[in-house]
C-alpha cells in the first residue's frame, strides 16, 4: 500500500511504543489495520494522527478494557448500594445522609410507614434531622 492511499497518517515525529515489547510505530511503518487496533486500545492516541477517516473513532467502536471493567465495577457497586438502601428503608434504618437524598414527600412517606415523629411543616433539613432520630410518633387518641 502506498503512502498516499493510507487512511491513517501519523504526525511527523510521533511514535507509539507498545509497552512490554520492542514494538513501535511511526508514520513510516504504520498500516491502517495496526492504526485501528492501536486506537481501539487507547483512543487518546488519536492526537498523534495527522489524518484519519471522518468519524473513525465512532466507527471503531472504541473499547477500553480498563474502562469497561471500571464501568462494570461501578454498576455492581451502585446495585449493591441500592440494595443496601432498600433494605435499610424497609427496616426503618435510613441514616441522615440517606434520608437527605429523598424528597420531602418521600421522607414523610417513610416516616409515616415506620411511625416516626416529625413536624409536618418542617423544612427539609429539619425534617431529615427529626426523622433520622427515629422517635416514635404519638398515637392520636
N, C-alpha and C. Protein backbone atom coordinates (compact mmCIF):
# COMPACT_ATOMS: atom_id res chain seq x y z
N UNK A 1 0.85 -1.18 0.00
CA UNK A 1 0.00 0.00 0.00
C UNK A 1 0.90 1.23 0.00
N UNK A 2 0.67 2.13 -0.92
CA UNK A 2 1.46 3.35 -1.00
C UNK A 2 1.09 4.32 0.11
N UNK A 3 2.01 5.22 0.40
CA UNK A 3 1.77 6.18 1.48
C UNK A 3 0.55 7.05 1.21
N UNK A 4 0.28 7.38 -0.04
CA UNK A 4 -0.83 8.27 -0.38
C UNK A 4 -2.19 7.59 -0.24
N UNK A 5 -2.24 6.26 -0.27
CA UNK A 5 -3.51 5.53 -0.22
C UNK A 5 -3.98 5.26 1.20
N UNK A 6 -3.13 5.46 2.19
CA UNK A 6 -3.47 5.13 3.56
C UNK A 6 -4.52 6.08 4.13
N UNK A 7 -5.39 5.51 4.96
CA UNK A 7 -6.44 6.30 5.62
C UNK A 7 -5.92 6.98 6.88
N UNK A 8 -4.92 6.36 7.50
CA UNK A 8 -4.36 6.86 8.75
C UNK A 8 -2.93 7.31 8.53
N UNK A 9 -2.62 8.53 8.95
CA UNK A 9 -1.27 9.08 8.85
C UNK A 9 -0.93 9.72 10.20
N UNK A 10 0.23 9.36 10.71
CA UNK A 10 0.67 9.94 11.98
C UNK A 10 1.37 11.27 11.74
N UNK A 11 1.34 12.10 12.77
CA UNK A 11 2.04 13.38 12.70
C UNK A 11 3.54 13.12 12.64
N UNK A 12 4.23 14.03 12.02
CA UNK A 12 5.67 13.93 11.90
C UNK A 12 6.31 13.88 13.28
N UNK A 13 7.18 12.91 13.49
CA UNK A 13 7.89 12.78 14.77
C UNK A 13 7.13 12.01 15.83
N UNK A 14 5.87 11.65 15.57
CA UNK A 14 5.08 10.89 16.55
C UNK A 14 5.46 9.42 16.50
N UNK A 15 5.52 8.81 17.68
CA UNK A 15 5.85 7.40 17.79
C UNK A 15 4.95 6.79 18.85
N UNK A 16 4.45 5.60 18.57
CA UNK A 16 3.68 4.84 19.56
C UNK A 16 4.49 3.60 19.91
N UNK A 17 4.86 3.51 21.18
CA UNK A 17 5.61 2.36 21.65
C UNK A 17 4.64 1.43 22.37
N UNK A 18 4.79 0.16 22.15
CA UNK A 18 3.95 -0.84 22.80
C UNK A 18 4.65 -1.31 24.07
N UNK A 19 4.06 -1.00 25.19
CA UNK A 19 4.64 -1.30 26.49
C UNK A 19 4.92 -2.80 26.63
N UNK A 20 6.08 -3.12 27.14
CA UNK A 20 6.44 -4.51 27.38
C UNK A 20 7.00 -5.23 26.16
N UNK A 21 7.15 -4.50 25.06
CA UNK A 21 7.70 -5.11 23.84
C UNK A 21 8.73 -4.15 23.25
N UNK A 22 9.35 -4.59 22.19
CA UNK A 22 10.25 -3.71 21.45
C UNK A 22 9.54 -3.09 20.24
N UNK A 23 8.24 -3.27 20.15
CA UNK A 23 7.47 -2.76 19.01
C UNK A 23 7.22 -1.27 19.15
N UNK A 24 7.31 -0.58 18.03
CA UNK A 24 6.95 0.82 17.97
C UNK A 24 6.41 1.12 16.58
N UNK A 25 5.61 2.15 16.51
CA UNK A 25 5.01 2.53 15.23
C UNK A 25 5.17 4.02 15.02
N UNK A 26 5.51 4.36 13.79
CA UNK A 26 5.57 5.75 13.35
C UNK A 26 4.85 5.78 12.01
N UNK A 27 4.79 6.92 11.39
CA UNK A 27 4.11 7.01 10.10
C UNK A 27 4.79 6.12 9.05
N UNK A 28 6.06 5.84 9.24
CA UNK A 28 6.81 5.06 8.25
C UNK A 28 6.40 3.59 8.21
N UNK A 29 6.01 3.01 9.35
CA UNK A 29 5.71 1.58 9.37
C UNK A 29 4.27 1.26 9.79
N UNK A 30 3.43 2.26 9.88
CA UNK A 30 2.06 2.07 10.34
C UNK A 30 1.13 1.71 9.19
N UNK A 31 0.34 0.64 9.38
CA UNK A 31 -0.69 0.29 8.40
C UNK A 31 -2.04 0.73 8.96
N UNK A 32 -3.05 0.79 8.11
CA UNK A 32 -4.38 1.18 8.57
C UNK A 32 -4.91 0.20 9.60
N UNK A 33 -4.64 -1.09 9.41
CA UNK A 33 -5.12 -2.11 10.33
C UNK A 33 -4.49 -1.94 11.72
N UNK A 34 -3.19 -1.71 11.74
CA UNK A 34 -2.49 -1.51 13.01
C UNK A 34 -3.00 -0.22 13.68
N UNK A 35 -3.18 0.82 12.89
CA UNK A 35 -3.68 2.09 13.44
C UNK A 35 -5.02 1.89 14.13
N UNK A 36 -5.92 1.13 13.50
CA UNK A 36 -7.23 0.89 14.10
C UNK A 36 -7.12 0.09 15.39
N UNK A 37 -6.25 -0.90 15.42
CA UNK A 37 -6.05 -1.68 16.64
C UNK A 37 -5.50 -0.80 17.77
N UNK A 38 -4.54 0.04 17.43
CA UNK A 38 -3.93 0.92 18.43
C UNK A 38 -4.96 1.91 18.98
N UNK A 39 -5.82 2.42 18.13
CA UNK A 39 -6.83 3.38 18.55
C UNK A 39 -7.94 2.72 19.38
N UNK A 40 -8.23 1.46 19.09
CA UNK A 40 -9.21 0.75 19.90
C UNK A 40 -8.71 0.56 21.32
N UNK A 41 -7.44 0.27 21.46
CA UNK A 41 -6.84 0.06 22.78
C UNK A 41 -6.74 1.37 23.56
N UNK A 42 -6.36 2.44 22.87
CA UNK A 42 -6.18 3.74 23.54
C UNK A 42 -6.64 4.86 22.62
N UNK A 43 -7.87 5.33 22.81
CA UNK A 43 -8.40 6.39 21.95
C UNK A 43 -7.64 7.71 22.05
N UNK A 44 -6.91 7.91 23.14
CA UNK A 44 -6.13 9.14 23.29
C UNK A 44 -5.02 9.26 22.25
N UNK A 45 -4.66 8.15 21.66
CA UNK A 45 -3.63 8.15 20.62
C UNK A 45 -4.08 8.90 19.37
N UNK A 46 -5.36 9.17 19.25
CA UNK A 46 -5.85 9.88 18.06
C UNK A 46 -5.16 11.24 17.89
N UNK A 47 -4.66 11.80 18.98
CA UNK A 47 -3.98 13.08 18.91
C UNK A 47 -2.63 12.98 18.20
N UNK A 48 -2.14 11.77 18.03
CA UNK A 48 -0.86 11.57 17.33
C UNK A 48 -1.04 11.46 15.82
N UNK A 49 -2.29 11.49 15.37
CA UNK A 49 -2.56 11.30 13.95
C UNK A 49 -2.84 12.63 13.26
N UNK A 50 -2.24 12.79 12.10
CA UNK A 50 -2.47 13.97 11.28
C UNK A 50 -3.67 13.75 10.37
N UNK A 51 -3.92 12.47 10.03
CA UNK A 51 -5.01 12.14 9.12
C UNK A 51 -5.67 10.85 9.57
N UNK A 52 -6.99 10.86 9.59
CA UNK A 52 -7.78 9.67 9.86
C UNK A 52 -9.15 9.86 9.22
N UNK A 53 -9.85 8.77 8.92
CA UNK A 53 -11.16 8.91 8.30
C UNK A 53 -12.13 9.67 9.20
N UNK A 54 -13.06 10.36 8.58
CA UNK A 54 -14.08 11.10 9.32
C UNK A 54 -14.86 10.10 10.18
N UNK A 55 -15.13 10.46 11.41
CA UNK A 55 -15.85 9.62 12.37
C UNK A 55 -15.17 8.27 12.60
N UNK A 56 -13.87 8.21 12.45
CA UNK A 56 -13.13 6.95 12.63
C UNK A 56 -13.34 6.39 14.04
N UNK A 57 -13.32 7.25 15.02
CA UNK A 57 -13.43 6.77 16.40
C UNK A 57 -14.81 6.15 16.65
N UNK A 58 -15.84 6.71 16.07
CA UNK A 58 -17.18 6.14 16.24
C UNK A 58 -17.28 4.80 15.52
N UNK A 59 -16.70 4.75 14.32
CA UNK A 59 -16.77 3.52 13.53
C UNK A 59 -15.98 2.39 14.18
N UNK A 60 -14.91 2.74 14.86
CA UNK A 60 -14.09 1.72 15.51
C UNK A 60 -14.76 1.17 16.76
N UNK A 61 -15.78 1.86 17.23
CA UNK A 61 -16.45 1.48 18.48
C UNK A 61 -15.41 1.22 19.54
N UNK A 62 -14.68 2.26 19.85
CA UNK A 62 -13.55 2.18 20.76
C UNK A 62 -13.94 1.51 22.07
N UNK A 63 -13.16 0.51 22.45
CA UNK A 63 -13.38 -0.19 23.71
C UNK A 63 -12.08 -0.19 24.50
N UNK A 64 -12.17 0.29 25.68
CA UNK A 64 -11.02 0.31 26.59
C UNK A 64 -11.30 -0.73 27.67
N UNK A 65 -10.53 -1.82 27.70
CA UNK A 65 -10.80 -2.88 28.67
C UNK A 65 -10.83 -2.37 30.11
N UNK A 66 -9.94 -1.45 30.45
CA UNK A 66 -9.92 -0.91 31.81
C UNK A 66 -11.19 -0.11 32.08
N UNK A 67 -11.64 0.66 31.09
CA UNK A 67 -12.86 1.45 31.26
C UNK A 67 -14.07 0.54 31.39
N UNK A 68 -14.09 -0.54 30.61
CA UNK A 68 -15.21 -1.49 30.70
C UNK A 68 -15.24 -2.15 32.07
N UNK A 69 -14.08 -2.54 32.57
CA UNK A 69 -14.01 -3.17 33.90
C UNK A 69 -14.44 -2.17 34.98
N UNK A 70 -13.99 -0.93 34.85
CA UNK A 70 -14.36 0.09 35.83
C UNK A 70 -15.86 0.36 35.79
N UNK A 71 -16.43 0.41 34.59
CA UNK A 71 -17.87 0.64 34.44
C UNK A 71 -18.66 -0.51 35.05
N UNK A 72 -18.18 -1.73 34.84
CA UNK A 72 -18.86 -2.91 35.41
C UNK A 72 -18.78 -2.87 36.93
N UNK A 73 -17.61 -2.56 37.46
CA UNK A 73 -17.44 -2.48 38.91
C UNK A 73 -18.31 -1.38 39.50
N UNK A 74 -18.39 -0.26 38.80
CA UNK A 74 -19.23 0.85 39.27
C UNK A 74 -20.70 0.44 39.29
N UNK A 75 -21.15 -0.23 38.23
CA UNK A 75 -22.54 -0.68 38.16
C UNK A 75 -22.85 -1.67 39.28
N UNK A 76 -21.92 -2.57 39.56
CA UNK A 76 -22.12 -3.54 40.64
C UNK A 76 -22.16 -2.85 42.00
N UNK A 77 -21.29 -1.86 42.18
CA UNK A 77 -21.27 -1.11 43.44
C UNK A 77 -22.56 -0.32 43.63
N UNK A 78 -23.05 0.29 42.54
CA UNK A 78 -24.30 1.04 42.61
C UNK A 78 -25.47 0.12 42.93
N UNK A 79 -25.46 -1.07 42.33
CA UNK A 79 -26.53 -2.04 42.58
C UNK A 79 -26.50 -2.47 44.05
N UNK A 80 -25.30 -2.75 44.57
CA UNK A 80 -25.17 -3.16 45.97
C UNK A 80 -25.61 -2.03 46.91
N UNK A 81 -25.24 -0.81 46.57
CA UNK A 81 -25.63 0.34 47.40
C UNK A 81 -27.14 0.52 47.38
N UNK A 82 -27.75 0.35 46.21
CA UNK A 82 -29.21 0.47 46.10
C UNK A 82 -29.91 -0.62 46.91
N UNK A 83 -29.37 -1.83 46.84
CA UNK A 83 -29.96 -2.93 47.62
C UNK A 83 -29.84 -2.66 49.12
N UNK A 84 -28.69 -2.14 49.55
CA UNK A 84 -28.50 -1.81 50.97
C UNK A 84 -29.45 -0.70 51.39
N UNK A 85 -29.61 0.30 50.51
CA UNK A 85 -30.53 1.41 50.78
C UNK A 85 -31.96 0.87 50.93
N UNK A 86 -32.39 0.04 49.98
CA UNK A 86 -33.74 -0.51 50.00
C UNK A 86 -33.99 -1.34 51.27
N UNK A 87 -32.98 -2.12 51.66
CA UNK A 87 -33.09 -2.95 52.86
C UNK A 87 -33.22 -2.06 54.11
N UNK A 88 -32.38 -1.02 54.19
CA UNK A 88 -32.43 -0.11 55.33
C UNK A 88 -33.76 0.66 55.35
N UNK A 89 -34.24 1.02 54.20
CA UNK A 89 -35.51 1.76 54.11
C UNK A 89 -36.65 0.89 54.61
N UNK A 90 -36.67 -0.36 54.17
CA UNK A 90 -37.73 -1.27 54.59
C UNK A 90 -37.67 -1.53 56.09
N UNK A 91 -36.47 -1.59 56.62
CA UNK A 91 -36.29 -1.86 58.06
C UNK A 91 -36.46 -0.61 58.92
N UNK A 92 -36.58 0.55 58.28
CA UNK A 92 -36.71 1.80 59.04
C UNK A 92 -35.40 2.27 59.62
N UNK A 93 -34.29 1.94 58.95
CA UNK A 93 -32.96 2.25 59.48
C UNK A 93 -32.17 3.22 58.59
N UNK A 94 -32.85 4.06 57.82
CA UNK A 94 -32.12 5.01 56.97
C UNK A 94 -31.36 6.02 57.83
N UNK A 95 -30.17 6.35 57.40
CA UNK A 95 -29.34 7.33 58.11
C UNK A 95 -29.70 8.74 57.66
N UNK A 96 -29.14 9.71 58.33
CA UNK A 96 -29.35 11.12 57.97
C UNK A 96 -28.98 11.34 56.51
N UNK A 97 -27.79 10.87 56.10
CA UNK A 97 -27.34 11.08 54.73
C UNK A 97 -28.24 10.39 53.71
N UNK A 98 -28.72 9.21 54.04
CA UNK A 98 -29.62 8.51 53.14
C UNK A 98 -30.96 9.23 53.03
N UNK A 99 -31.47 9.69 54.15
CA UNK A 99 -32.74 10.44 54.13
C UNK A 99 -32.60 11.73 53.33
N UNK A 100 -31.45 12.33 53.40
CA UNK A 100 -31.22 13.61 52.73
C UNK A 100 -31.28 13.49 51.21
N UNK A 101 -31.18 12.27 50.68
CA UNK A 101 -31.26 12.07 49.23
C UNK A 101 -32.71 12.01 48.74
N UNK A 102 -33.64 11.89 49.68
CA UNK A 102 -35.06 11.77 49.33
C UNK A 102 -35.74 13.13 49.28
N UNK A 103 -36.87 13.17 48.59
CA UNK A 103 -37.68 14.40 48.57
C UNK A 103 -38.44 14.50 49.90
N UNK A 104 -38.97 15.68 50.18
CA UNK A 104 -39.74 15.89 51.41
C UNK A 104 -40.90 14.90 51.48
N UNK A 105 -41.62 14.75 50.38
CA UNK A 105 -42.76 13.83 50.36
C UNK A 105 -42.33 12.39 50.65
N UNK A 106 -41.21 11.96 50.08
CA UNK A 106 -40.72 10.60 50.31
C UNK A 106 -40.26 10.42 51.76
N UNK A 107 -39.68 11.46 52.34
CA UNK A 107 -39.26 11.39 53.75
C UNK A 107 -40.48 11.23 54.65
N UNK A 108 -41.52 12.02 54.37
CA UNK A 108 -42.75 11.93 55.17
C UNK A 108 -43.40 10.56 55.00
N UNK A 109 -43.40 10.07 53.78
CA UNK A 109 -43.96 8.74 53.50
C UNK A 109 -43.21 7.67 54.29
N UNK A 110 -41.90 7.77 54.29
CA UNK A 110 -41.05 6.84 55.05
C UNK A 110 -41.34 6.96 56.54
N UNK A 111 -41.40 8.18 57.06
CA UNK A 111 -41.66 8.40 58.48
C UNK A 111 -43.02 7.85 58.89
N UNK A 112 -44.02 8.08 58.05
CA UNK A 112 -45.37 7.58 58.35
C UNK A 112 -45.39 6.05 58.35
N UNK A 113 -44.70 5.44 57.38
CA UNK A 113 -44.67 3.98 57.28
C UNK A 113 -44.03 3.35 58.51
N UNK A 114 -43.06 4.04 59.10
CA UNK A 114 -42.36 3.50 60.26
C UNK A 114 -42.77 4.16 61.57
N UNK A 115 -43.79 5.02 61.47
CA UNK A 115 -44.36 5.69 62.64
C UNK A 115 -43.33 6.50 63.42
N UNK A 116 -42.55 7.30 62.66
CA UNK A 116 -41.58 8.20 63.27
C UNK A 116 -42.18 9.60 63.37
N UNK A 117 -41.86 10.29 64.45
CA UNK A 117 -42.38 11.63 64.69
C UNK A 117 -41.65 12.66 63.83
N UNK A 118 -42.42 13.66 63.35
CA UNK A 118 -41.86 14.80 62.63
C UNK A 118 -42.90 15.91 62.59
N UNK A 119 -42.42 17.14 62.40
CA UNK A 119 -43.33 18.27 62.24
C UNK A 119 -43.71 18.37 60.77
N UNK A 120 -44.99 18.38 60.49
CA UNK A 120 -45.44 18.36 59.10
C UNK A 120 -45.04 19.63 58.34
N UNK A 121 -44.79 20.71 59.06
CA UNK A 121 -44.41 21.97 58.38
C UNK A 121 -42.90 22.19 58.33
N UNK A 122 -42.13 21.21 58.77
CA UNK A 122 -40.67 21.36 58.84
C UNK A 122 -40.06 21.47 57.44
N UNK A 123 -39.03 22.29 57.34
CA UNK A 123 -38.26 22.37 56.09
C UNK A 123 -37.42 21.09 55.99
N UNK A 124 -36.88 20.85 54.81
CA UNK A 124 -36.21 19.56 54.56
C UNK A 124 -35.10 19.25 55.57
N UNK A 125 -34.21 20.20 55.83
CA UNK A 125 -33.10 19.93 56.76
C UNK A 125 -33.62 19.50 58.13
N UNK A 126 -34.62 20.23 58.63
CA UNK A 126 -35.19 19.89 59.93
C UNK A 126 -35.93 18.56 59.87
N UNK A 127 -36.63 18.32 58.78
CA UNK A 127 -37.37 17.08 58.61
C UNK A 127 -36.41 15.88 58.62
N UNK A 128 -35.31 15.99 57.89
CA UNK A 128 -34.32 14.92 57.84
C UNK A 128 -33.78 14.65 59.25
N UNK A 129 -33.47 15.71 59.98
CA UNK A 129 -32.96 15.57 61.35
C UNK A 129 -33.98 14.88 62.24
N UNK A 130 -35.24 15.34 62.17
CA UNK A 130 -36.29 14.77 63.02
C UNK A 130 -36.51 13.29 62.72
N UNK A 131 -36.61 12.95 61.45
CA UNK A 131 -36.89 11.56 61.09
C UNK A 131 -35.69 10.66 61.38
N UNK A 132 -34.47 11.18 61.18
CA UNK A 132 -33.28 10.35 61.44
C UNK A 132 -33.12 10.02 62.92
N UNK A 133 -33.78 10.80 63.79
CA UNK A 133 -33.74 10.50 65.23
C UNK A 133 -34.60 9.29 65.58
N UNK A 134 -35.52 8.92 64.67
CA UNK A 134 -36.36 7.72 64.80
C UNK A 134 -37.18 7.71 66.09
N UNK A 135 -37.66 8.89 66.49
CA UNK A 135 -38.53 8.97 67.66
C UNK A 135 -39.93 8.50 67.27
N UNK A 136 -40.55 7.68 68.09
CA UNK A 136 -41.88 7.20 67.74
C UNK A 136 -42.91 8.35 67.74
N UNK A 137 -43.82 8.26 66.80
CA UNK A 137 -44.89 9.26 66.70
C UNK A 137 -45.88 8.99 67.82
N UNK A 138 -46.51 10.08 68.29
CA UNK A 138 -47.53 9.95 69.33
C UNK A 138 -48.80 9.43 68.71
N UNK A 139 -49.40 8.46 69.32
CA UNK A 139 -50.67 7.91 68.82
C UNK A 139 -51.79 8.91 69.08
N UNK A 140 -52.63 9.14 68.06
CA UNK A 140 -53.78 10.04 68.23
C UNK A 140 -54.86 9.33 69.04
N UNK A 141 -55.46 10.08 69.99
CA UNK A 141 -56.50 9.48 70.81
C UNK A 141 -57.85 9.91 70.35
